[in-house]
């Protein structure tokens, strides 16, 4: 059934698939992948790899593949479904599929970057276990660990900005009470960072972390919000 040629989907088909993945509509996504697979006489994996937003960035395009959307929105169910279709019959990953899993959008962000930046740990795990390269850097020179940490920094800055609006005395009392009663919870960003650094591929991060030390911090695109 599968062909050796690269499948080229029309804009409308790509748009339908991206909409399904971005909206979190698993049943429609399954139906569309099956329909296009039959229509173009190819495997579901070929359809998935062909569904890339190729529109120019100046016209609103992202350059993202089908995996970016559930990774950004934390939809582990859809992400795992797509990743399962990219596996061969013996459960391994075809080299071309691994390349697709590490697809970079216009900002140089892979699906793993978006999952890490939005602190979706289950999506981070799914991508890494499927073969995502944890040391790849985006156009800003940042890897997945860095963008997860950056997410924490941004969240902390926002919280501190809101706290300044409160009465100083009341704020101090609340802080003292919180510190004395309960330990500080680990943030989602910290959970992502810790998992990436301690996973089987985490040893690859040491060199990447050293290289990032001298890179000025720049903003990373956070991916799409749920529609």
Foldseek 3Di string as FASTA:
>chain_A
DADPDQDADDPVLLVQLLCCLQQVPQVSNVVSLVVVCVVVVHASLSVQLNNFQPDDVVVPTWRAGSLQRCLLALVLVNNLVNLQSQADPVRAHDPVSLVSQQGATPQQDGSLLLNLLNLNQSSNVSSVVSRHDQLRATNLLDGSLVSLVVSVVVVVVVVVVVLVVDDPVVSVVVVVVPVVPDDDDDDSSNVNNVCCCPPPNNVVCPVSVVVCPPRDDDDDDNGDYRD
